[in-house]
Amino acid sequence: MEWIVKIEKTPDVEAEKDQRIRIQFNPINENIFFYGEIKVKNNQWSVFSEDTHKMEITLEELQNCMERVLIEMRKRLKEYENLDKGFSVLKWIAFEEE
């Protein structure tokens, strides 16, 4: 079982990329998985953060898990964007033999 929570673009969020939290319920293991996902390249979702909780969860715990996943996802998105800028500058690398 799976649910998608879409993250709306707001002026305070710098990222222009699509963001969401995907929530999966695994009844056999009695766990709920939270995945912070961003659509970065090739129009595919990539997991940037995750959290797990037992299936007995209160509304407050649910909100806390989603908030942790969102904060960690956005932190990692900033690092990804820095790396992406660096790699876009690199055109080729040459290794010299000694």
N, C-alpha and C. Protein backbone atom coordinates (compact mmCIF):
# COMPACT_ATOMS: atom_id res chain seq x y z
N MET A 1 0.84 -1.16 0.00
CA MET A 1 0.00 0.00 0.00
C MET A 1 0.89 1.23 0.00
N GLU A 2 0.46 2.22 -0.75
CA GLU A 2 1.33 3.38 -0.94
C GLU A 2 0.49 4.65 -1.08
N TRP A 3 1.02 5.74 -0.53
CA TRP A 3 0.39 7.05 -0.65
C TRP A 3 1.45 8.05 -1.09
N ILE A 4 1.01 9.07 -1.82
CA ILE A 4 1.91 10.12 -2.29
C ILE A 4 1.43 11.44 -1.70
N VAL A 5 2.36 12.17 -1.08
CA VAL A 5 2.08 13.51 -0.57
C VAL A 5 2.88 14.47 -1.44
N LYS A 6 2.19 15.26 -2.25
CA LYS A 6 2.87 16.21 -3.14
C LYS A 6 3.29 17.44 -2.35
N ILE A 7 4.48 17.94 -2.64
CA ILE A 7 5.00 19.14 -1.99
C ILE A 7 4.78 20.29 -2.95
N GLU A 8 4.02 21.28 -2.53
CA GLU A 8 3.75 22.44 -3.39
C GLU A 8 4.98 23.34 -3.44
N LYS A 9 5.18 23.95 -4.60
CA LYS A 9 6.26 24.93 -4.75
C LYS A 9 5.83 26.23 -4.08
N THR A 10 6.70 26.74 -3.23
CA THR A 10 6.41 27.98 -2.52
C THR A 10 7.60 28.93 -2.69
N PRO A 11 7.39 30.22 -2.50
CA PRO A 11 8.49 31.18 -2.68
C PRO A 11 9.68 30.94 -1.75
N ASP A 12 9.45 30.36 -0.56
CA ASP A 12 10.55 30.14 0.37
C ASP A 12 11.38 28.91 0.03
N VAL A 13 10.91 28.08 -0.90
CA VAL A 13 11.66 26.90 -1.31
C VAL A 13 12.41 27.24 -2.59
N GLU A 14 13.74 27.12 -2.51
CA GLU A 14 14.58 27.50 -3.64
C GLU A 14 14.49 26.52 -4.81
N ALA A 15 14.23 25.28 -4.51
CA ALA A 15 14.28 24.25 -5.55
C ALA A 15 13.16 24.42 -6.57
N GLU A 16 13.50 24.24 -7.81
CA GLU A 16 12.52 24.30 -8.88
C GLU A 16 12.07 22.90 -9.26
N LYS A 17 12.63 21.91 -8.65
CA LYS A 17 12.34 20.53 -9.01
C LYS A 17 11.09 20.02 -8.30
N ASP A 18 10.43 19.03 -8.91
CA ASP A 18 9.26 18.41 -8.30
C ASP A 18 9.69 17.62 -7.07
N GLN A 19 8.94 17.75 -5.99
CA GLN A 19 9.25 17.05 -4.74
C GLN A 19 8.00 16.37 -4.22
N ARG A 20 8.21 15.24 -3.52
CA ARG A 20 7.09 14.54 -2.93
C ARG A 20 7.59 13.66 -1.78
N ILE A 21 6.66 13.22 -0.96
CA ILE A 21 6.95 12.20 0.05
C ILE A 21 6.09 11.00 -0.29
N ARG A 22 6.77 9.87 -0.50
CA ARG A 22 6.07 8.62 -0.82
C ARG A 22 6.04 7.79 0.47
N ILE A 23 4.86 7.36 0.85
CA ILE A 23 4.68 6.60 2.09
C ILE A 23 4.23 5.19 1.73
N GLN A 24 4.98 4.20 2.21
CA GLN A 24 4.65 2.80 1.94
C GLN A 24 4.34 2.10 3.25
N PHE A 25 3.29 1.32 3.25
CA PHE A 25 2.92 0.53 4.42
C PHE A 25 3.20 -0.93 4.12
N ASN A 26 4.02 -1.55 4.96
CA ASN A 26 4.34 -2.96 4.81
C ASN A 26 3.70 -3.71 5.98
N PRO A 27 2.50 -4.28 5.79
CA PRO A 27 1.80 -4.92 6.90
C PRO A 27 2.50 -6.17 7.44
N ILE A 28 3.21 -6.87 6.61
CA ILE A 28 3.90 -8.08 7.08
C ILE A 28 4.98 -7.73 8.10
N ASN A 29 5.75 -6.68 7.81
CA ASN A 29 6.81 -6.25 8.73
C ASN A 29 6.32 -5.24 9.76
N GLU A 30 5.07 -4.82 9.62
CA GLU A 30 4.44 -3.85 10.52
C GLU A 30 5.21 -2.53 10.56
N ASN A 31 5.65 -2.07 9.39
CA ASN A 31 6.40 -0.83 9.27
C ASN A 31 5.76 0.12 8.26
N ILE A 32 6.00 1.40 8.50
CA ILE A 32 5.64 2.44 7.55
C ILE A 32 6.94 3.10 7.10
N PHE A 33 7.15 3.20 5.80
CA PHE A 33 8.37 3.79 5.24
C PHE A 33 8.03 5.14 4.61
N PHE A 34 8.85 6.12 4.89
CA PHE A 34 8.68 7.46 4.35
C PHE A 34 9.88 7.75 3.46
N TYR A 35 9.63 8.13 2.21
CA TYR A 35 10.70 8.43 1.25
C TYR A 35 10.53 9.85 0.72
N GLY A 36 11.54 10.68 0.92
CA GLY A 36 11.56 12.01 0.32
C GLY A 36 12.14 11.89 -1.07
N GLU A 37 11.36 12.20 -2.09
CA GLU A 37 11.79 11.99 -3.48
C GLU A 37 11.74 13.29 -4.27
N ILE A 38 12.70 13.39 -5.19
CA ILE A 38 12.80 14.56 -6.05
C ILE A 38 13.00 14.08 -7.47
N LYS A 39 12.33 14.74 -8.40
CA LYS A 39 12.50 14.43 -9.81
C LYS A 39 13.64 15.31 -10.32
N VAL A 40 14.83 14.71 -10.48
CA VAL A 40 15.99 15.51 -10.83
C VAL A 40 16.36 15.42 -12.31
N LYS A 41 16.62 14.25 -12.80
CA LYS A 41 17.02 14.10 -14.20
C LYS A 41 16.26 12.96 -14.83
N ASN A 42 16.15 12.99 -16.13
CA ASN A 42 15.47 11.94 -16.90
C ASN A 42 14.03 11.73 -16.46
N ASN A 43 13.46 12.75 -15.81
CA ASN A 43 12.06 12.70 -15.42
C ASN A 43 11.73 11.51 -14.52
N GLN A 44 12.72 11.07 -13.71
CA GLN A 44 12.52 9.94 -12.80
C GLN A 44 12.68 10.41 -11.36
N TRP A 45 11.93 9.81 -10.46
CA TRP A 45 12.01 10.15 -9.04
C TRP A 45 13.23 9.49 -8.41
N SER A 46 13.98 10.26 -7.62
CA SER A 46 15.13 9.74 -6.89
C SER A 46 14.89 9.95 -5.40
N VAL A 47 15.24 8.96 -4.59
CA VAL A 47 15.07 9.05 -3.14
C VAL A 47 16.23 9.85 -2.56
N PHE A 48 15.91 10.92 -1.84
CA PHE A 48 16.91 11.77 -1.21
C PHE A 48 16.92 11.62 0.31
N SER A 49 15.86 11.07 0.87
CA SER A 49 15.82 10.84 2.32
C SER A 49 14.79 9.77 2.63
N GLU A 50 14.93 9.17 3.82
CA GLU A 50 13.98 8.14 4.21
C GLU A 50 13.91 8.04 5.72
N ASP A 51 12.79 7.51 6.19
CA ASP A 51 12.57 7.28 7.61
C ASP A 51 11.62 6.09 7.73
N THR A 52 11.65 5.43 8.88
CA THR A 52 10.81 4.26 9.12
C THR A 52 10.15 4.39 10.48
N HIS A 53 8.94 3.88 10.58
CA HIS A 53 8.23 3.90 11.86
C HIS A 53 7.38 2.64 11.95
N LYS A 54 7.17 2.18 13.16
CA LYS A 54 6.26 1.04 13.36
C LYS A 54 4.84 1.44 12.96
N MET A 55 4.01 0.46 12.65
CA MET A 55 2.68 0.79 12.13
C MET A 55 1.77 1.44 13.16
N GLU A 56 2.03 1.28 14.44
CA GLU A 56 1.26 2.00 15.46
C GLU A 56 1.81 3.41 15.52
N ILE A 57 1.13 4.34 14.89
CA ILE A 57 1.66 5.70 14.77
C ILE A 57 0.53 6.71 15.04
N THR A 58 0.87 7.74 15.78
CA THR A 58 -0.10 8.81 16.04
C THR A 58 0.01 9.86 14.94
N LEU A 59 -0.96 10.74 14.89
CA LEU A 59 -0.92 11.82 13.91
C LEU A 59 0.31 12.69 14.12
N GLU A 60 0.65 12.97 15.36
CA GLU A 60 1.83 13.79 15.66
C GLU A 60 3.11 13.10 15.20
N GLU A 61 3.23 11.80 15.43
CA GLU A 61 4.41 11.05 14.97
C GLU A 61 4.47 11.01 13.45
N LEU A 62 3.33 10.88 12.81
CA LEU A 62 3.26 10.90 11.36
C LEU A 62 3.78 12.23 10.81
N GLN A 63 3.32 13.32 11.39
CA GLN A 63 3.77 14.65 10.97
C GLN A 63 5.27 14.82 11.22
N ASN A 64 5.77 14.34 12.35
CA ASN A 64 7.19 14.45 12.66
C ASN A 64 8.04 13.67 11.67
N CYS A 65 7.61 12.47 11.31
CA CYS A 65 8.35 11.67 10.32
C CYS A 65 8.40 12.39 8.98
N MET A 66 7.26 12.92 8.55
CA MET A 66 7.22 13.62 7.27
C MET A 66 8.08 14.88 7.30
N GLU A 67 8.08 15.59 8.41
CA GLU A 67 8.89 16.80 8.53
C GLU A 67 10.38 16.46 8.48
N ARG A 68 10.79 15.41 9.20
CA ARG A 68 12.21 14.99 9.17
C ARG A 68 12.65 14.62 7.76
N VAL A 69 11.80 13.87 7.07
CA VAL A 69 12.11 13.45 5.70
C VAL A 69 12.21 14.67 4.79
N LEU A 70 11.31 15.61 4.93
CA LEU A 70 11.32 16.82 4.10
C LEU A 70 12.57 17.66 4.35
N ILE A 71 12.91 17.89 5.61
CA ILE A 71 14.09 18.71 5.95
C ILE A 71 15.36 18.06 5.42
N GLU A 72 15.51 16.75 5.63
CA GLU A 72 16.70 16.04 5.15
C GLU A 72 16.77 16.03 3.62
N MET A 73 15.62 15.86 2.97
CA MET A 73 15.57 15.85 1.51
C MET A 73 16.04 17.20 0.95
N ARG A 74 15.55 18.29 1.51
CA ARG A 74 15.93 19.62 1.01
C ARG A 74 17.39 19.94 1.28
N LYS A 75 17.90 19.46 2.41
CA LYS A 75 19.33 19.65 2.70
C LYS A 75 20.18 18.92 1.66
N ARG A 76 19.81 17.70 1.37
CA ARG A 76 20.56 16.92 0.38
C ARG A 76 20.38 17.46 -1.03
N LEU A 77 19.22 18.05 -1.31
CA LEU A 77 18.99 18.66 -2.62
C LEU A 77 19.97 19.81 -2.86
N LYS A 78 20.20 20.61 -1.84
CA LYS A 78 21.17 21.71 -1.98
C LYS A 78 22.55 21.17 -2.30
N GLU A 79 22.96 20.11 -1.62
CA GLU A 79 24.27 19.50 -1.89
C GLU A 79 24.31 18.91 -3.30
N TYR A 80 23.22 18.29 -3.72
CA TYR A 80 23.15 17.74 -5.08
C TYR A 80 23.31 18.85 -6.12
N GLU A 81 22.61 19.96 -5.90
CA GLU A 81 22.68 21.07 -6.86
C GLU A 81 24.09 21.64 -6.93
N ASN A 82 24.80 21.70 -5.80
CA ASN A 82 26.20 22.14 -5.81
C ASN A 82 27.07 21.19 -6.61
N LEU A 83 26.89 19.90 -6.40
CA LEU A 83 27.65 18.90 -7.16
C LEU A 83 27.32 18.97 -8.65
N ASP A 84 26.05 19.12 -8.96
CA ASP A 84 25.62 19.17 -10.36
C ASP A 84 26.24 20.36 -11.08
N LYS A 85 26.31 21.51 -10.40
CA LYS A 85 26.96 22.69 -10.99
C LYS A 85 28.43 22.42 -11.26
N GLY A 86 29.09 21.77 -10.30
CA GLY A 86 30.51 21.45 -10.47
C GLY A 86 30.76 20.51 -11.62
N PHE A 87 29.94 19.47 -11.73
CA PHE A 87 30.13 18.51 -12.81
C PHE A 87 29.73 19.09 -14.16
N SER A 88 28.84 20.05 -14.19
CA SER A 88 28.47 20.63 -15.47
C SER A 88 29.60 21.50 -16.02
N VAL A 89 30.49 21.99 -15.16
CA VAL A 89 31.64 22.78 -15.60
C VAL A 89 32.72 21.87 -16.18
N LEU A 90 32.85 20.66 -15.63
CA LEU A 90 33.87 19.72 -16.11
C LEU A 90 33.47 19.20 -17.49
N LYS A 91 34.35 19.32 -18.43
CA LYS A 91 34.08 18.79 -19.77
C LYS A 91 34.85 17.49 -20.01
N TRP A 92 36.06 17.45 -19.50
CA TRP A 92 36.86 16.24 -19.65
C TRP A 92 37.96 16.26 -18.60
N ILE A 93 38.48 15.07 -18.32
CA ILE A 93 39.57 14.92 -17.36
C ILE A 93 40.65 14.09 -18.05
N ALA A 94 41.87 14.54 -17.91
CA ALA A 94 42.99 13.79 -18.49
C ALA A 94 43.92 13.35 -17.37
N PHE A 95 44.41 12.13 -17.48
CA PHE A 95 45.36 11.60 -16.51
C PHE A 95 46.70 11.46 -17.20
N GLU A 96 47.73 11.97 -16.56
CA GLU A 96 49.06 11.86 -17.14
C GLU A 96 49.78 10.69 -16.48
N GLU A 97 50.51 9.96 -17.29
CA GLU A 97 51.30 8.85 -16.75
C GLU A 97 52.62 9.40 -16.24
N GLU A 98 53.09 8.81 -15.16
CA GLU A 98 54.37 9.28 -14.60
C GLU A 98 55.52 8.53 -15.19
